[in-house]
């Protein structure tokens, strides 16, 4: 069985990451294959000044690209 931990902390080694690592350690002890995604390692910019391009297919029936260039896609 596999388990994925996702940590969303504003600090590189914050409490969220420590908690996720603790849980994944316990799961590994029970035979799980684990991996972790630390959002701190990615460039994630808040949405702003957009025309909901990410929802364009459902709103306008066309594919449009987000004007923000970061690691979200």
PDB file of N, CA and C in Angstrom:
ATOM      1  N   UNK A   1       0.835  -1.161   0.000  1.00  0.00           N
ATOM      2  CA  UNK A   1       0.000   0.000   0.000  1.00  0.00           C
ATOM      3  C   UNK A   1       0.892   1.240   0.000  1.00  0.00           C
ATOM      4  N   UNK A   2       0.378   2.350  -0.557  1.00  0.00           N
ATOM      5  CA  UNK A   2       1.150   3.582  -0.666  1.00  0.00           C
ATOM      6  C   UNK A   2       0.446   4.707   0.088  1.00  0.00           C
ATOM      7  N   UNK A   3       1.246   5.644   0.595  1.00  0.00           N
ATOM      8  CA  UNK A   3       0.714   6.830   1.272  1.00  0.00           C
ATOM      9  C   UNK A   3       1.503   8.047   0.827  1.00  0.00           C
ATOM     10  N   UNK A   4       0.800   9.133   0.591  1.00  0.00           N
ATOM     11  CA  UNK A   4       1.414  10.390   0.183  1.00  0.00           C
ATOM     12  C   UNK A   4       1.128  11.428   1.257  1.00  0.00           C
ATOM     13  N   UNK A   5       2.171  12.087   1.733  1.00  0.00           N
ATOM     14  CA  UNK A   5       2.017  13.181   2.687  1.00  0.00           C
ATOM     15  C   UNK A   5       2.266  14.494   1.980  1.00  0.00           C
ATOM     16  N   UNK A   6       1.406  15.476   2.239  1.00  0.00           N
ATOM     17  CA  UNK A   6       1.547  16.796   1.631  1.00  0.00           C
ATOM     18  C   UNK A   6       1.639  17.817   2.754  1.00  0.00           C
ATOM     19  N   UNK A   7       2.732  18.583   2.777  1.00  0.00           N
ATOM     20  CA  UNK A   7       2.942  19.594   3.807  1.00  0.00           C
ATOM     21  C   UNK A   7       2.860  20.982   3.187  1.00  0.00           C
ATOM     22  N   UNK A   8       2.032  21.830   3.776  1.00  0.00           N
ATOM     23  CA  UNK A   8       1.890  23.224   3.335  1.00  0.00           C
ATOM     24  C   UNK A   8       2.311  24.130   4.476  1.00  0.00           C
ATOM     25  N   UNK A   9       3.590  24.388   4.561  1.00  0.00           N
ATOM     26  CA  UNK A   9       4.122  25.237   5.614  1.00  0.00           C
ATOM     27  C   UNK A   9       4.874  26.399   4.988  1.00  0.00           C
ATOM     28  N   UNK A  10       4.843  27.533   5.653  1.00  0.00           N
ATOM     29  CA  UNK A  10       5.585  28.704   5.172  1.00  0.00           C
ATOM     30  C   UNK A  10       7.067  28.607   5.503  1.00  0.00           C
ATOM     31  N   UNK A  11       7.437  27.590   6.287  1.00  0.00           N
ATOM     32  CA  UNK A  11       8.838  27.400   6.670  1.00  0.00           C
ATOM     33  C   UNK A  11       9.363  26.099   6.073  1.00  0.00           C
ATOM     34  N   UNK A  12      10.655  26.095   5.738  1.00  0.00           N
ATOM     35  CA  UNK A  12      11.280  24.921   5.102  1.00  0.00           C
ATOM     36  C   UNK A  12      11.069  23.655   5.933  1.00  0.00           C
ATOM     37  N   UNK A  13      11.316  23.717   7.208  1.00  0.00           N
ATOM     38  CA  UNK A  13      11.146  22.559   8.091  1.00  0.00           C
ATOM     39  C   UNK A  13      10.169  22.893   9.202  1.00  0.00           C
ATOM     40  N   UNK A  14       8.990  23.342   8.827  1.00  0.00           N
ATOM     41  CA  UNK A  14       7.996  23.770   9.795  1.00  0.00           C
ATOM     42  C   UNK A  14       7.286  22.618  10.492  1.00  0.00           C
ATOM     43  N   UNK A  15       6.390  22.976  11.393  1.00  0.00           N
ATOM     44  CA  UNK A  15       5.652  21.986  12.164  1.00  0.00           C
ATOM     45  C   UNK A  15       4.799  21.075  11.285  1.00  0.00           C
ATOM     46  N   UNK A  16       4.231  21.625  10.217  1.00  0.00           N
ATOM     47  CA  UNK A  16       3.422  20.793   9.308  1.00  0.00           C
ATOM     48  C   UNK A  16       4.266  19.669   8.711  1.00  0.00           C
ATOM     49  N   UNK A  17       5.457  20.012   8.250  1.00  0.00           N
ATOM     50  CA  UNK A  17       6.349  19.010   7.669  1.00  0.00           C
ATOM     51  C   UNK A  17       6.748  17.979   8.721  1.00  0.00           C
ATOM     52  N   UNK A  18       7.068  18.435   9.927  1.00  0.00           N
ATOM     53  CA  UNK A  18       7.439  17.511  10.998  1.00  0.00           C
ATOM     54  C   UNK A  18       6.300  16.543  11.319  1.00  0.00           C
ATOM     55  N   UNK A  19       5.085  17.053  11.346  1.00  0.00           N
ATOM     56  CA  UNK A  19       3.919  16.204  11.631  1.00  0.00           C
ATOM     57  C   UNK A  19       3.712  15.176  10.527  1.00  0.00           C
ATOM     58  N   UNK A  20       3.788  15.604   9.276  1.00  0.00           N
ATOM     59  CA  UNK A  20       3.605  14.687   8.146  1.00  0.00           C
ATOM     60  C   UNK A  20       4.704  13.626   8.146  1.00  0.00           C
ATOM     61  N   UNK A  21       5.944  14.029   8.402  1.00  0.00           N
ATOM     62  CA  UNK A  21       7.043  13.058   8.449  1.00  0.00           C
ATOM     63  C   UNK A  21       6.842  12.047   9.572  1.00  0.00           C
ATOM     64  N   UNK A  22       6.338  12.485  10.705  1.00  0.00           N
ATOM     65  CA  UNK A  22       6.066  11.576  11.826  1.00  0.00           C
ATOM     66  C   UNK A  22       5.018  10.531  11.429  1.00  0.00           C
ATOM     67  N   UNK A  23       3.935  10.994  10.823  1.00  0.00           N
ATOM     68  CA  UNK A  23       2.870  10.069  10.414  1.00  0.00           C
ATOM     69  C   UNK A  23       3.387   9.087   9.363  1.00  0.00           C
ATOM     70  N   UNK A  24       4.150   9.577   8.399  1.00  0.00           N
ATOM     71  CA  UNK A  24       4.673   8.696   7.360  1.00  0.00           C
ATOM     72  C   UNK A  24       5.653   7.672   7.938  1.00  0.00           C
ATOM     73  N   UNK A  25       6.412   8.064   8.959  1.00  0.00           N
ATOM     74  CA  UNK A  25       7.302   7.110   9.622  1.00  0.00           C
ATOM     75  C   UNK A  25       6.497   5.974  10.240  1.00  0.00           C
ATOM     76  N   UNK A  26       5.410   6.313  10.903  1.00  0.00           N
ATOM     77  CA  UNK A  26       4.550   5.287  11.512  1.00  0.00           C
ATOM     78  C   UNK A  26       3.939   4.383  10.444  1.00  0.00           C
ATOM     79  N   UNK A  27       3.554   4.954   9.324  1.00  0.00           N
ATOM     80  CA  UNK A  27       2.987   4.155   8.233  1.00  0.00           C
ATOM     81  C   UNK A  27       4.037   3.226   7.631  1.00  0.00           C
ATOM     82  N   UNK A  28       5.283   3.731   7.477  1.00  0.00           N
ATOM     83  CA  UNK A  28       6.361   2.880   6.962  1.00  0.00           C
ATOM     84  C   UNK A  28       6.599   1.699   7.892  1.00  0.00           C
ATOM     85  N   UNK A  29       6.488   1.941   9.196  1.00  0.00           N
ATOM     86  CA  UNK A  29       6.647   0.856  10.178  1.00  0.00           C
ATOM     87  C   UNK A  29       5.587  -0.226  10.000  1.00  0.00           C
ATOM     88  N   UNK A  30       4.470   0.126   9.387  1.00  0.00           N
ATOM     89  CA  UNK A  30       3.389  -0.831   9.135  1.00  0.00           C
ATOM     90  C   UNK A  30       3.374  -1.325   7.694  1.00  0.00           C
ATOM     91  N   UNK A  31       4.468  -1.097   6.961  1.00  0.00           N
ATOM     92  CA  UNK A  31       4.614  -1.670   5.630  1.00  0.00           C
ATOM     93  C   UNK A  31       4.193  -0.800   4.470  1.00  0.00           C
ATOM     94  N   UNK A  32       3.832   0.448   4.724  1.00  0.00           N
ATOM     95  CA  UNK A  32       3.434   1.339   3.637  1.00  0.00           C
ATOM     96  C   UNK A  32       4.656   1.852   2.890  1.00  0.00           C
ATOM     97  N   UNK A  33       4.497   2.069   1.606  1.00  0.00           N
ATOM     98  CA  UNK A  33       5.483   2.789   0.802  1.00  0.00           C
ATOM     99  C   UNK A  33       5.063   4.243   0.853  1.00  0.00           C
ATOM    100  N   UNK A  34       5.959   5.141   1.276  1.00  0.00           N
ATOM    101  CA  UNK A  34       5.560   6.528   1.487  1.00  0.00           C
ATOM    102  C   UNK A  34       6.370   7.499   0.642  1.00  0.00           C
ATOM    103  N   UNK A  35       5.766   8.642   0.389  1.00  0.00           N
ATOM    104  CA  UNK A  35       6.469   9.758  -0.239  1.00  0.00           C
ATOM    105  C   UNK A  35       5.834  11.046   0.276  1.00  0.00           C
ATOM    106  N   UNK A  36       6.587  12.138   0.134  1.00  0.00           N
ATOM    107  CA  UNK A  36       6.131  13.416   0.673  1.00  0.00           C
ATOM    108  C   UNK A  36       6.305  14.518  -0.361  1.00  0.00           C
ATOM    109  N   UNK A  37       5.363  15.449  -0.369  1.00  0.00           N
ATOM    110  CA  UNK A  37       5.450  16.654  -1.186  1.00  0.00           C
ATOM    111  C   UNK A  37       5.476  17.820  -0.213  1.00  0.00           C
ATOM    112  N   UNK A  38       6.530  18.618  -0.291  1.00  0.00           N
ATOM    113  CA  UNK A  38       6.660  19.788   0.566  1.00  0.00           C
ATOM    114  C   UNK A  38       6.413  21.026  -0.297  1.00  0.00           C
ATOM    115  N   UNK A  39       5.278  21.676  -0.099  1.00  0.00           N
ATOM    116  CA  UNK A  39       4.897  22.820  -0.926  1.00  0.00           C
ATOM    117  C   UNK A  39       5.899  23.966  -0.823  1.00  0.00           C
ATOM    118  N   UNK A  40       6.685  24.009   0.253  1.00  0.00           N
ATOM    119  CA  UNK A  40       7.691  25.058   0.406  1.00  0.00           C
ATOM    120  C   UNK A  40       8.706  25.022  -0.735  1.00  0.00           C
ATOM    121  N   UNK A  41       8.917  23.867  -1.313  1.00  0.00           N
ATOM    122  CA  UNK A  41       9.915  23.706  -2.371  1.00  0.00           C
ATOM    123  C   UNK A  41       9.435  24.185  -3.739  1.00  0.00           C
ATOM    124  N   UNK A  42       8.187  24.643  -3.825  1.00  0.00           N
ATOM    125  CA  UNK A  42       7.612  25.062  -5.098  1.00  0.00           C
ATOM    126  C   UNK A  42       7.299  26.552  -5.071  1.00  0.00           C
ATOM    127  N   UNK A  43       7.348  27.166  -6.239  1.00  0.00           N
ATOM    128  CA  UNK A  43       6.978  28.566  -6.392  1.00  0.00           C
ATOM    129  C   UNK A  43       5.467  28.623  -6.632  1.00  0.00           C
ATOM    130  N   UNK A  44       4.720  28.966  -5.597  1.00  0.00           N
ATOM    131  CA  UNK A  44       3.259  29.038  -5.692  1.00  0.00           C
ATOM    132  C   UNK A  44       2.849  30.472  -5.397  1.00  0.00           C
ATOM    133  N   UNK A  45       2.299  31.141  -6.403  1.00  0.00           N
ATOM    134  CA  UNK A  45       1.910  32.537  -6.297  1.00  0.00           C
ATOM    135  C   UNK A  45       0.399  32.632  -6.140  1.00  0.00           C
ATOM    136  N   UNK A  46      -0.093  33.481  -5.251  1.00  0.00           N
ATOM    137  CA  UNK A  46      -1.549  33.625  -5.106  1.00  0.00           C
ATOM    138  C   UNK A  46      -2.185  34.164  -6.380  1.00  0.00           C
ATOM    139  N   UNK A  47      -3.418  33.815  -6.598  1.00  0.00           N
ATOM    140  CA  UNK A  47      -4.163  34.330  -7.741  1.00  0.00           C
ATOM    141  C   UNK A  47      -4.413  35.825  -7.552  1.00  0.00           C
ATOM    142  N   UNK A  48      -4.348  36.550  -8.665  1.00  0.00           N
ATOM    143  CA  UNK A  48      -4.677  37.974  -8.622  1.00  0.00           C
ATOM    144  C   UNK A  48      -4.844  38.513 -10.032  1.00  0.00           C
ATOM    145  N   UNK A  49      -5.736  39.449 -10.158  1.00  0.00           N
ATOM    146  CA  UNK A  49      -5.963  40.165 -11.415  1.00  0.00           C
ATOM    147  C   UNK A  49      -6.134  39.225 -12.608  1.00  0.00           C
ATOM    148  N   UNK A  50      -6.955  38.230 -12.447  1.00  0.00           N
ATOM    149  CA  UNK A  50      -7.143  37.308 -13.563  1.00  0.00           C
ATOM    150  C   UNK A  50      -8.600  37.336 -14.022  1.00  0.00           C
ATOM    151  N   UNK A  51      -8.844  36.654 -15.094  1.00  0.00           N
ATOM    152  CA  UNK A  51     -10.179  36.536 -15.654  1.00  0.00           C
ATOM    153  C   UNK A  51     -10.642  35.083 -15.553  1.00  0.00           C
ATOM    154  N   UNK A  52     -10.215  34.397 -14.500  1.00  0.00           N
ATOM    155  CA  UNK A  52     -10.551  32.986 -14.249  1.00  0.00           C
ATOM    156  C   UNK A  52     -10.182  32.097 -15.425  1.00  0.00           C
ATOM    157  N   UNK A  53      -8.971  32.311 -15.934  1.00  0.00           N
ATOM    158  CA  UNK A  53      -8.504  31.510 -17.063  1.00  0.00           C
ATOM    159  C   UNK A  53      -8.470  30.021 -16.738  1.00  0.00           C
ATOM    160  N   UNK A  54      -8.218  29.671 -15.481  1.00  0.00           N
ATOM    161  CA  UNK A  54      -8.146  28.256 -15.116  1.00  0.00           C
ATOM    162  C   UNK A  54      -9.513  27.575 -15.218  1.00  0.00           C
ATOM    163  N   UNK A  55     -10.585  28.351 -15.203  1.00  0.00           N
ATOM    164  CA  UNK A  55     -11.943  27.808 -15.343  1.00  0.00           C
ATOM    165  C   UNK A  55     -12.558  28.133 -16.706  1.00  0.00           C
ATOM    166  N   UNK A  56     -11.742  28.593 -17.650  1.00  0.00           N
ATOM    167  CA  UNK A  56     -12.252  29.061 -18.939  1.00  0.00           C
ATOM    168  C   UNK A  56     -13.023  27.991 -19.697  1.00  0.00           C
ATOM    169  N   UNK A  57     -12.591  26.746 -19.620  1.00  0.00           N
ATOM    170  CA  UNK A  57     -13.273  25.667 -20.340  1.00  0.00           C
ATOM    171  C   UNK A  57     -14.735  25.578 -19.883  1.00  0.00           C
ATOM    172  N   UNK A  58     -14.977  25.600 -18.586  1.00  0.00           N
ATOM    173  CA  UNK A  58     -16.347  25.482 -18.092  1.00  0.00           C
ATOM    174  C   UNK A  58     -17.109  26.804 -18.161  1.00  0.00           C
ATOM    175  N   UNK A  59     -16.418  27.935 -18.072  1.00  0.00           N
ATOM    176  CA  UNK A  59     -17.095  29.237 -18.107  1.00  0.00           C
ATOM    177  C   UNK A  59     -17.355  29.739 -19.518  1.00  0.00           C
ATOM    178  N   UNK A  60     -16.359  29.602 -20.392  1.00  0.00           N
ATOM    179  CA  UNK A  60     -16.450  30.183 -21.732  1.00  0.00           C
ATOM    180  C   UNK A  60     -16.292  29.177 -22.857  1.00  0.00           C
ATOM    181  N   UNK A  61     -16.048  27.922 -22.503  1.00  0.00           N
ATOM    182  CA  UNK A  61     -15.922  26.886 -23.519  1.00  0.00           C
ATOM    183  C   UNK A  61     -14.627  26.916 -24.296  1.00  0.00           C
ATOM    184  N   UNK A  62     -13.597  27.537 -23.748  1.00  0.00           N
ATOM    185  CA  UNK A  62     -12.308  27.628 -24.446  1.00  0.00           C
ATOM    186  C   UNK A  62     -11.182  27.412 -23.456  1.00  0.00           C
ATOM    187  N   UNK A  63     -10.063  26.884 -23.951  1.00  0.00           N
ATOM    188  CA  UNK A  63      -8.886  26.725 -23.103  1.00  0.00           C
ATOM    189  C   UNK A  63      -8.103  28.027 -23.088  1.00  0.00           C
ATOM    190  N   UNK A  64      -7.765  28.492 -21.904  1.00  0.00           N
ATOM    191  CA  UNK A  64      -6.955  29.695 -21.742  1.00  0.00           C
ATOM    192  C   UNK A  64      -5.867  29.402 -20.729  1.00  0.00           C
ATOM    193  N   UNK A  65      -4.763  30.120 -20.840  1.00  0.00           N
ATOM    194  CA  UNK A  65      -3.641  29.904 -19.917  1.00  0.00           C
ATOM    195  C   UNK A  65      -3.661  30.943 -18.805  1.00  0.00           C
ATOM    196  N   UNK A  66      -3.243  30.492 -17.634  1.00  0.00           N
ATOM    197  CA  UNK A  66      -3.143  31.374 -16.484  1.00  0.00           C
ATOM    198  C   UNK A  66      -2.066  32.437 -16.739  1.00  0.00           C
ATOM    199  N   UNK A  67      -2.340  33.695 -16.394  1.00  0.00           N
ATOM    200  CA  UNK A  67      -1.327  34.738 -16.601  1.00  0.00           C
ATOM    201  C   UNK A  67      -0.177  34.681 -15.584  1.00  0.00           C
ATOM    202  N   UNK A  68      -0.314  33.879 -14.541  1.00  0.00           N
ATOM    203  CA  UNK A  68       0.724  33.766 -13.524  1.00  0.00           C
ATOM    204  C   UNK A  68       1.607  32.566 -13.882  1.00  0.00           C
ATOM    205  N   UNK A  69       2.893  32.804 -13.961  1.00  0.00           N
ATOM    206  CA  UNK A  69       3.833  31.738 -14.327  1.00  0.00           C
ATOM    207  C   UNK A  69       4.570  31.275 -13.068  1.00  0.00           C
ATOM    208  N   UNK A  70       4.083  30.145 -12.518  1.00  0.00           N
ATOM    209  CA  UNK A  70       4.702  29.557 -11.337  1.00  0.00           C
ATOM    210  C   UNK A  70       4.644  28.039 -11.457  1.00  0.00           C
ATOM    211  N   UNK A  71       4.830  27.329 -10.354  1.00  0.00           N
ATOM    212  CA  UNK A  71       4.875  25.867 -10.383  1.00  0.00           C
ATOM    213  C   UNK A  71       3.512  25.188 -10.231  1.00  0.00           C
ATOM    214  N   UNK A  72       2.433  25.962 -10.155  1.00  0.00           N
ATOM    215  CA  UNK A  72       1.113  25.367  -9.946  1.00  0.00           C
ATOM    216  C   UNK A  72       0.698  24.391 -11.055  1.00  0.00           C
ATOM    217  N   UNK A  73       0.858  24.741 -12.329  1.00  0.00           N
ATOM    218  CA  UNK A  73       0.442  23.763 -13.356  1.00  0.00           C
ATOM    219  C   UNK A  73       1.230  22.468 -13.251  1.00  0.00           C
TER     220      UNK A  73
END
